[in-house]
């Protein structure tokens, strides 16, 4: 019985590999259409927001919470969590305002998803982390300053 299961699995894997190799299965082409490349390559916060959301206009909101360290000892891996109590959140973007390309992450959420995301971002220097939440066709934001140190010495 195990031999048959092994052979079925091998044949199925082979069929998928051949289909992918022939270009019949290409999830990257489907995902590439939704990838906001211009937003991730933008050099300013306003350009990133314009390319991502169509406008840089946003309203500050106390219903968005950013959890990030006050002092990041290693700017290469800064943990950031964003949550929101705003109803109907469609997307959450994380921006490091003084990075060369400020848009660090963009999360699209399903209709009933909880508005709570976490990731690690790279920060080149001390700056504000800006959380952008799109909900109900409106754009809301909040920010938190994170000091990036060299070697954790507070400098």
N, C-alpha and C. Protein backbone atom coordinates (compact mmCIF):
# COMPACT_ATOMS: atom_id res chain seq x y z
N UNK A 1 0.82 -1.19 0.00
CA UNK A 1 0.00 0.00 0.00
C UNK A 1 0.86 1.25 0.00
N UNK A 2 1.98 1.24 0.72
CA UNK A 2 2.84 2.41 0.78
C UNK A 2 3.50 2.68 -0.57
N UNK A 3 3.80 1.62 -1.29
CA UNK A 3 4.43 1.77 -2.60
C UNK A 3 3.49 2.50 -3.55
N UNK A 4 2.21 2.15 -3.53
CA UNK A 4 1.22 2.79 -4.40
C UNK A 4 1.07 4.27 -4.05
N UNK A 5 1.03 4.58 -2.77
CA UNK A 5 0.92 5.97 -2.34
C UNK A 5 2.14 6.76 -2.79
N UNK A 6 3.31 6.16 -2.65
CA UNK A 6 4.55 6.80 -3.09
C UNK A 6 4.52 7.06 -4.59
N UNK A 7 4.12 6.07 -5.38
CA UNK A 7 4.07 6.21 -6.83
C UNK A 7 3.05 7.26 -7.27
N UNK A 8 1.88 7.29 -6.60
CA UNK A 8 0.87 8.31 -6.92
C UNK A 8 1.41 9.71 -6.64
N UNK A 9 2.07 9.86 -5.51
CA UNK A 9 2.64 11.16 -5.14
C UNK A 9 3.72 11.59 -6.10
N UNK A 10 4.54 10.65 -6.51
CA UNK A 10 5.61 10.95 -7.45
C UNK A 10 5.04 11.36 -8.81
N UNK A 11 4.04 10.66 -9.27
CA UNK A 11 3.41 10.98 -10.56
C UNK A 11 2.73 12.35 -10.50
N UNK A 12 2.05 12.63 -9.41
CA UNK A 12 1.37 13.92 -9.28
C UNK A 12 2.38 15.06 -9.24
N UNK A 13 3.46 14.88 -8.50
CA UNK A 13 4.50 15.90 -8.43
C UNK A 13 5.14 16.12 -9.79
N UNK A 14 5.37 15.05 -10.50
CA UNK A 14 5.96 15.14 -11.84
C UNK A 14 5.04 15.90 -12.78
N UNK A 15 3.75 15.61 -12.72
CA UNK A 15 2.78 16.30 -13.58
C UNK A 15 2.75 17.80 -13.29
N UNK A 16 2.79 18.16 -12.02
CA UNK A 16 2.80 19.59 -11.65
C UNK A 16 4.09 20.24 -12.13
N UNK A 17 5.22 19.58 -11.96
CA UNK A 17 6.50 20.13 -12.40
C UNK A 17 6.52 20.33 -13.91
N UNK A 18 6.00 19.38 -14.66
CA UNK A 18 5.96 19.49 -16.12
C UNK A 18 5.03 20.65 -16.53
N UNK A 19 3.88 20.75 -15.89
CA UNK A 19 2.94 21.84 -16.21
C UNK A 19 3.56 23.20 -15.89
N UNK A 20 4.24 23.31 -14.78
CA UNK A 20 4.89 24.57 -14.42
C UNK A 20 6.02 24.89 -15.38
N UNK A 21 6.78 23.87 -15.75
CA UNK A 21 7.87 24.07 -16.70
C UNK A 21 7.38 24.47 -18.08
N UNK A 22 6.22 24.00 -18.46
CA UNK A 22 5.66 24.34 -19.77
C UNK A 22 4.94 25.69 -19.76
N UNK A 23 4.84 26.31 -18.58
CA UNK A 23 4.19 27.61 -18.49
C UNK A 23 2.69 27.52 -18.32
N UNK A 24 2.18 26.31 -18.10
CA UNK A 24 0.74 26.16 -17.91
C UNK A 24 0.31 26.62 -16.52
N UNK A 25 1.18 26.46 -15.55
CA UNK A 25 0.92 26.95 -14.20
C UNK A 25 1.93 28.05 -13.91
N UNK A 26 1.45 29.25 -13.75
CA UNK A 26 2.37 30.34 -13.43
C UNK A 26 1.72 31.31 -12.46
N UNK A 27 1.71 30.96 -11.17
CA UNK A 27 1.09 31.84 -10.19
C UNK A 27 1.78 33.19 -10.11
N UNK A 28 3.04 33.26 -10.47
CA UNK A 28 3.74 34.54 -10.41
C UNK A 28 3.13 35.55 -11.38
N UNK A 29 2.65 35.10 -12.53
CA UNK A 29 2.04 36.04 -13.47
C UNK A 29 0.70 36.55 -12.95
N UNK A 30 -0.02 35.74 -12.20
CA UNK A 30 -1.27 36.17 -11.60
C UNK A 30 -0.99 37.17 -10.48
N UNK A 31 -0.02 36.87 -9.64
CA UNK A 31 0.32 37.75 -8.54
C UNK A 31 1.01 39.01 -9.01
N UNK A 32 1.73 38.96 -10.10
CA UNK A 32 2.44 40.13 -10.59
C UNK A 32 1.49 41.25 -10.98
N UNK A 33 0.30 40.92 -11.45
CA UNK A 33 -0.67 41.94 -11.83
C UNK A 33 -1.13 42.75 -10.63
N UNK A 34 -1.13 42.15 -9.45
CA UNK A 34 -1.57 42.83 -8.25
C UNK A 34 -0.41 43.48 -7.49
N UNK A 35 0.80 43.27 -7.89
CA UNK A 35 1.97 43.79 -7.20
C UNK A 35 2.14 45.28 -7.50
N UNK A 36 2.08 46.15 -6.48
CA UNK A 36 2.21 47.59 -6.71
C UNK A 36 3.69 48.01 -6.81
N UNK A 37 4.33 47.63 -7.88
CA UNK A 37 5.77 47.83 -8.04
C UNK A 37 6.16 49.30 -7.92
N UNK A 38 5.40 50.20 -8.54
CA UNK A 38 5.74 51.63 -8.50
C UNK A 38 5.70 52.16 -7.07
N UNK A 39 4.78 51.66 -6.26
CA UNK A 39 4.68 52.10 -4.86
C UNK A 39 5.90 51.66 -4.06
N UNK A 40 6.37 50.44 -4.29
CA UNK A 40 7.53 49.94 -3.55
C UNK A 40 8.83 50.57 -4.05
N UNK A 41 8.85 51.10 -5.27
CA UNK A 41 10.05 51.75 -5.80
C UNK A 41 10.05 53.25 -5.59
N UNK A 42 8.96 53.82 -5.08
CA UNK A 42 8.85 55.27 -4.88
C UNK A 42 9.91 55.75 -3.88
N UNK A 43 10.38 56.97 -4.10
CA UNK A 43 11.46 57.53 -3.27
C UNK A 43 10.95 58.44 -2.16
N UNK A 44 9.64 58.77 -2.15
CA UNK A 44 9.08 59.61 -1.09
C UNK A 44 7.80 58.97 -0.57
N UNK A 45 7.40 59.38 0.63
CA UNK A 45 6.18 58.84 1.24
C UNK A 45 4.97 59.19 0.38
N UNK A 46 4.88 60.45 -0.06
CA UNK A 46 3.73 60.86 -0.88
C UNK A 46 3.65 60.08 -2.18
N UNK A 47 4.79 59.88 -2.85
CA UNK A 47 4.79 59.11 -4.10
C UNK A 47 4.36 57.66 -3.85
N UNK A 48 4.84 57.08 -2.74
CA UNK A 48 4.46 55.70 -2.41
C UNK A 48 2.95 55.60 -2.19
N UNK A 49 2.39 56.55 -1.44
CA UNK A 49 0.95 56.53 -1.18
C UNK A 49 0.14 56.79 -2.45
N UNK A 50 0.60 57.72 -3.28
CA UNK A 50 -0.10 57.98 -4.55
C UNK A 50 -0.13 56.75 -5.43
N UNK A 51 1.00 56.05 -5.51
CA UNK A 51 1.08 54.85 -6.35
C UNK A 51 0.32 53.66 -5.75
N UNK A 52 0.25 53.61 -4.42
CA UNK A 52 -0.41 52.50 -3.76
C UNK A 52 -1.92 52.70 -3.66
N UNK A 53 -2.34 53.92 -3.26
CA UNK A 53 -3.74 54.17 -2.96
C UNK A 53 -4.41 55.19 -3.88
N UNK A 54 -3.62 55.84 -4.72
CA UNK A 54 -4.19 56.85 -5.62
C UNK A 54 -4.20 58.24 -5.04
N UNK A 55 -3.83 58.38 -3.76
CA UNK A 55 -3.81 59.68 -3.10
C UNK A 55 -2.94 59.60 -1.86
N UNK A 56 -2.29 60.70 -1.53
CA UNK A 56 -1.47 60.76 -0.32
C UNK A 56 -2.26 61.31 0.87
N UNK A 57 -3.52 61.69 0.64
CA UNK A 57 -4.35 62.25 1.71
C UNK A 57 -4.76 61.16 2.69
N UNK A 58 -4.60 61.44 3.99
CA UNK A 58 -5.02 60.51 5.02
C UNK A 58 -5.37 61.29 6.28
N UNK A 59 -6.13 60.66 7.12
CA UNK A 59 -6.59 61.28 8.36
C UNK A 59 -5.95 60.57 9.54
N UNK A 60 -5.28 61.31 10.45
CA UNK A 60 -4.73 60.67 11.65
C UNK A 60 -5.85 60.02 12.47
N UNK A 61 -5.56 58.84 13.03
CA UNK A 61 -6.56 58.10 13.78
C UNK A 61 -5.95 57.47 15.02
N UNK A 62 -6.66 57.57 16.12
CA UNK A 62 -6.21 56.91 17.36
C UNK A 62 -6.70 55.46 17.41
N UNK A 63 -7.45 55.03 16.40
CA UNK A 63 -7.95 53.64 16.34
C UNK A 63 -6.93 52.69 15.73
N UNK A 64 -5.75 53.20 15.38
CA UNK A 64 -4.67 52.38 14.82
C UNK A 64 -3.55 52.34 15.85
N UNK A 65 -3.04 51.16 16.10
CA UNK A 65 -1.96 50.99 17.07
C UNK A 65 -0.74 50.39 16.38
N UNK A 66 0.42 50.99 16.63
CA UNK A 66 1.70 50.45 16.13
C UNK A 66 2.47 49.93 17.33
N UNK A 67 2.93 48.70 17.22
CA UNK A 67 3.80 48.13 18.24
C UNK A 67 5.17 47.95 17.60
N UNK A 68 6.13 48.73 18.06
CA UNK A 68 7.50 48.68 17.55
C UNK A 68 8.40 49.17 18.69
N UNK A 69 9.67 48.79 18.67
CA UNK A 69 10.55 49.23 19.74
C UNK A 69 10.81 50.74 19.66
N UNK A 70 11.00 51.38 20.82
CA UNK A 70 11.37 52.79 20.83
C UNK A 70 12.78 52.96 20.29
N UNK A 71 13.64 52.00 20.63
CA UNK A 71 15.03 52.00 20.14
C UNK A 71 15.30 50.64 19.50
N UNK A 72 15.67 50.67 18.22
CA UNK A 72 16.00 49.44 17.50
C UNK A 72 17.51 49.29 17.47
N UNK A 73 18.00 48.23 18.08
CA UNK A 73 19.44 48.00 18.13
C UNK A 73 19.99 47.54 16.80
N UNK A 74 19.15 46.96 15.97
CA UNK A 74 19.57 46.50 14.66
C UNK A 74 18.53 46.95 13.64
N UNK A 75 18.87 47.96 12.84
CA UNK A 75 17.94 48.49 11.86
C UNK A 75 17.59 47.52 10.75
N UNK A 76 18.32 46.42 10.63
CA UNK A 76 18.07 45.44 9.57
C UNK A 76 16.84 44.59 9.85
N UNK A 77 16.46 44.45 11.11
CA UNK A 77 15.31 43.61 11.48
C UNK A 77 14.52 44.28 12.61
N UNK A 78 13.69 45.22 12.26
CA UNK A 78 12.88 45.93 13.25
C UNK A 78 11.48 45.30 13.26
N UNK A 79 11.07 44.70 14.39
CA UNK A 79 9.74 44.09 14.44
C UNK A 79 8.66 45.17 14.54
N UNK A 80 7.64 45.05 13.70
CA UNK A 80 6.54 46.01 13.68
C UNK A 80 5.22 45.25 13.62
N UNK A 81 4.28 45.65 14.47
CA UNK A 81 2.92 45.10 14.44
C UNK A 81 1.96 46.27 14.34
N UNK A 82 0.94 46.12 13.51
CA UNK A 82 -0.08 47.14 13.35
C UNK A 82 -1.44 46.49 13.54
N UNK A 83 -2.27 47.11 14.37
CA UNK A 83 -3.63 46.63 14.55
C UNK A 83 -4.57 47.83 14.50
N UNK A 84 -5.83 47.56 14.17
CA UNK A 84 -6.81 48.63 14.06
C UNK A 84 -8.17 48.15 14.52
N UNK A 85 -8.89 49.04 15.17
CA UNK A 85 -10.27 48.73 15.59
C UNK A 85 -11.28 49.35 14.62
N UNK A 86 -10.80 49.91 13.52
CA UNK A 86 -11.68 50.48 12.50
C UNK A 86 -12.39 49.33 11.78
N UNK A 87 -13.66 49.48 11.54
CA UNK A 87 -14.45 48.42 10.87
C UNK A 87 -14.16 48.40 9.37
N UNK A 88 -14.14 47.20 8.80
CA UNK A 88 -14.02 47.03 7.35
C UNK A 88 -12.66 47.37 6.77
N UNK A 89 -11.60 47.03 7.47
CA UNK A 89 -10.25 47.33 6.98
C UNK A 89 -9.97 46.53 5.71
N UNK A 90 -9.55 47.22 4.66
CA UNK A 90 -9.23 46.60 3.37
C UNK A 90 -7.74 46.32 3.24
N UNK A 91 -6.91 47.24 3.73
CA UNK A 91 -5.46 47.06 3.61
C UNK A 91 -4.74 47.82 4.70
N UNK A 92 -3.52 47.35 5.00
CA UNK A 92 -2.63 48.00 5.96
C UNK A 92 -1.27 48.11 5.30
N UNK A 93 -0.72 49.32 5.28
CA UNK A 93 0.62 49.55 4.73
C UNK A 93 1.52 50.05 5.84
N UNK A 94 2.79 49.67 5.78
CA UNK A 94 3.79 50.12 6.75
C UNK A 94 4.87 50.88 6.00
N UNK A 95 5.15 52.09 6.47
CA UNK A 95 6.11 52.97 5.81
C UNK A 95 7.18 53.39 6.80
N UNK A 96 8.44 53.33 6.39
CA UNK A 96 9.56 53.88 7.16
C UNK A 96 9.94 55.18 6.45
N UNK A 97 9.56 56.30 7.02
CA UNK A 97 9.56 57.58 6.30
C UNK A 97 10.92 58.02 5.76
N UNK A 98 12.01 57.70 6.41
CA UNK A 98 13.32 58.16 5.94
C UNK A 98 14.12 57.11 5.18
N UNK A 99 13.50 55.98 4.88
CA UNK A 99 14.18 54.98 4.04
C UNK A 99 14.27 55.49 2.61
N UNK A 100 15.22 55.00 1.85
CA UNK A 100 15.36 55.38 0.45
C UNK A 100 14.11 55.05 -0.35
N UNK A 101 13.53 53.89 -0.08
CA UNK A 101 12.22 53.52 -0.62
C UNK A 101 11.33 53.26 0.60
N UNK A 102 10.48 54.23 0.96
CA UNK A 102 9.79 54.19 2.25
C UNK A 102 8.76 53.08 2.45
N UNK A 103 8.08 52.62 1.40
CA UNK A 103 7.05 51.59 1.59
C UNK A 103 7.73 50.26 1.92
N UNK A 104 7.51 49.79 3.16
CA UNK A 104 8.15 48.56 3.62
C UNK A 104 7.25 47.34 3.45
N UNK A 105 5.94 47.52 3.60
CA UNK A 105 5.02 46.38 3.51
C UNK A 105 3.62 46.87 3.18
N UNK A 106 2.88 46.00 2.50
CA UNK A 106 1.47 46.27 2.21
C UNK A 106 0.70 44.97 2.33
N UNK A 107 -0.32 44.98 3.16
CA UNK A 107 -1.13 43.79 3.40
C UNK A 107 -2.56 44.06 2.93
N UNK A 108 -3.08 43.21 2.06
CA UNK A 108 -4.49 43.28 1.67
C UNK A 108 -5.24 42.26 2.51
N UNK A 109 -6.33 42.70 3.11
CA UNK A 109 -7.07 41.84 4.02
C UNK A 109 -8.41 41.44 3.42
N UNK A 110 -8.84 40.24 3.75
CA UNK A 110 -10.15 39.76 3.31
C UNK A 110 -11.26 40.46 4.07
N UNK A 111 -12.49 40.24 3.63
CA UNK A 111 -13.65 40.94 4.18
C UNK A 111 -13.82 40.73 5.69
N UNK A 112 -13.57 39.55 6.18
CA UNK A 112 -13.78 39.27 7.60
C UNK A 112 -12.48 39.09 8.37
N UNK A 113 -11.37 39.53 7.80
CA UNK A 113 -10.07 39.36 8.45
C UNK A 113 -9.92 40.34 9.61
N UNK A 114 -9.21 39.90 10.62
CA UNK A 114 -8.89 40.76 11.75
C UNK A 114 -7.77 41.70 11.32
N UNK A 115 -7.91 42.97 11.60
CA UNK A 115 -6.93 43.98 11.20
C UNK A 115 -5.76 43.97 12.17
N UNK A 116 -4.89 42.98 12.02
CA UNK A 116 -3.74 42.82 12.90
C UNK A 116 -2.63 42.11 12.11
N UNK A 117 -1.56 42.84 11.79
CA UNK A 117 -0.47 42.28 11.00
C UNK A 117 0.86 42.51 11.71
N UNK A 118 1.81 41.63 11.44
CA UNK A 118 3.15 41.75 12.01
C UNK A 118 4.18 41.39 10.95
N UNK A 119 5.31 42.08 11.00
CA UNK A 119 6.40 41.79 10.10
C UNK A 119 7.69 42.37 10.68
N UNK A 120 8.76 42.19 9.99
CA UNK A 120 10.04 42.82 10.34
C UNK A 120 10.44 43.66 9.15
N UNK A 121 10.84 44.90 9.41
CA UNK A 121 11.24 45.79 8.33
C UNK A 121 12.67 46.24 8.51
N UNK A 122 13.25 46.76 7.46
CA UNK A 122 14.60 47.29 7.50
C UNK A 122 14.49 48.81 7.58
N UNK A 123 15.23 49.40 8.52
CA UNK A 123 15.26 50.85 8.67
C UNK A 123 16.70 51.33 8.54
N UNK A 124 16.94 52.24 7.61
CA UNK A 124 18.27 52.76 7.39
C UNK A 124 18.74 53.70 8.47
N UNK A 125 17.80 54.44 9.07
CA UNK A 125 18.15 55.39 10.12
C UNK A 125 16.91 55.72 10.94
N UNK A 126 17.11 56.48 12.00
CA UNK A 126 16.02 56.89 12.87
C UNK A 126 14.96 57.62 12.06
N UNK A 127 13.71 57.20 12.21
CA UNK A 127 12.61 57.85 11.48
C UNK A 127 11.28 57.41 12.07
N UNK A 128 10.22 57.98 11.50
CA UNK A 128 8.87 57.58 11.88
C UNK A 128 8.47 56.33 11.10
N UNK A 129 7.78 55.44 11.79
CA UNK A 129 7.08 54.35 11.12
C UNK A 129 5.64 54.82 11.01
N UNK A 130 5.11 54.78 9.81
CA UNK A 130 3.74 55.24 9.56
C UNK A 130 2.89 54.04 9.16
N UNK A 131 1.79 53.86 9.87
CA UNK A 131 0.83 52.81 9.52
C UNK A 131 -0.32 53.46 8.78
N UNK A 132 -0.60 52.96 7.58
CA UNK A 132 -1.68 53.47 6.74
C UNK A 132 -2.75 52.39 6.67
N UNK A 133 -3.96 52.73 7.07
CA UNK A 133 -5.07 51.78 7.06
C UNK A 133 -6.15 52.31 6.13
N UNK A 134 -6.51 51.49 5.14
CA UNK A 134 -7.61 51.84 4.24
C UNK A 134 -8.83 51.04 4.67
N UNK A 135 -9.92 51.76 4.95
CA UNK A 135 -11.16 51.12 5.40
C UNK A 135 -12.35 51.93 4.90
N UNK A 136 -13.29 51.27 4.27
CA UNK A 136 -14.48 51.94 3.80
C UNK A 136 -14.21 53.06 2.81
N UNK A 137 -13.17 52.90 2.02
CA UNK A 137 -12.83 53.91 1.03
C UNK A 137 -12.08 55.12 1.60
N UNK A 138 -11.84 55.14 2.91
CA UNK A 138 -11.12 56.24 3.55
C UNK A 138 -9.75 55.74 4.00
N UNK A 139 -8.80 56.67 4.08
CA UNK A 139 -7.44 56.31 4.47
C UNK A 139 -7.11 56.98 5.80
N UNK A 140 -6.66 56.16 6.74
CA UNK A 140 -6.33 56.62 8.09
C UNK A 140 -4.86 56.32 8.36
N UNK A 141 -4.26 57.04 9.31
CA UNK A 141 -2.85 56.81 9.60
C UNK A 141 -2.52 57.09 11.06
N UNK A 142 -1.41 56.56 11.47
CA UNK A 142 -0.79 56.90 12.75
C UNK A 142 0.70 56.68 12.57
N UNK A 143 1.50 57.23 13.49
CA UNK A 143 2.95 57.11 13.36
C UNK A 143 3.61 56.93 14.71
N UNK A 144 4.81 56.35 14.66
CA UNK A 144 5.62 56.16 15.85
C UNK A 144 7.07 56.35 15.46
N UNK A 145 7.81 57.11 16.25
CA UNK A 145 9.22 57.33 15.98
C UNK A 145 10.03 56.16 16.56
N UNK A 146 10.94 55.64 15.75
CA UNK A 146 11.84 54.56 16.18
C UNK A 146 13.26 55.03 15.96
N UNK A 147 14.04 55.00 17.04
CA UNK A 147 15.44 55.40 16.99
C UNK A 147 16.28 54.17 16.65
N UNK A 148 17.04 54.28 15.56
CA UNK A 148 17.92 53.19 15.14
C UNK A 148 19.32 53.50 15.65
N UNK A 149 19.89 52.57 16.43
CA UNK A 149 21.23 52.76 16.99
C UNK A 149 22.21 51.83 16.31
N UNK A 150 23.46 52.14 16.47
CA UNK A 150 24.52 51.27 15.95
C UNK A 150 25.08 50.48 17.11
N UNK A 151 24.89 49.19 17.09
CA UNK A 151 25.40 48.34 18.16
C UNK A 151 24.64 48.46 19.46
N UNK A 152 23.48 49.10 19.45
CA UNK A 152 22.65 49.19 20.64
C UNK A 152 23.20 50.13 21.69
N UNK A 153 24.04 51.10 21.30
CA UNK A 153 24.66 52.00 22.26
C UNK A 153 23.87 53.29 22.46
N UNK A 154 22.73 53.41 21.81
CA UNK A 154 21.92 54.62 21.96
C UNK A 154 22.45 55.79 21.16
N UNK A 155 23.38 55.56 20.25
CA UNK A 155 23.99 56.66 19.49
C UNK A 155 23.36 56.76 18.17
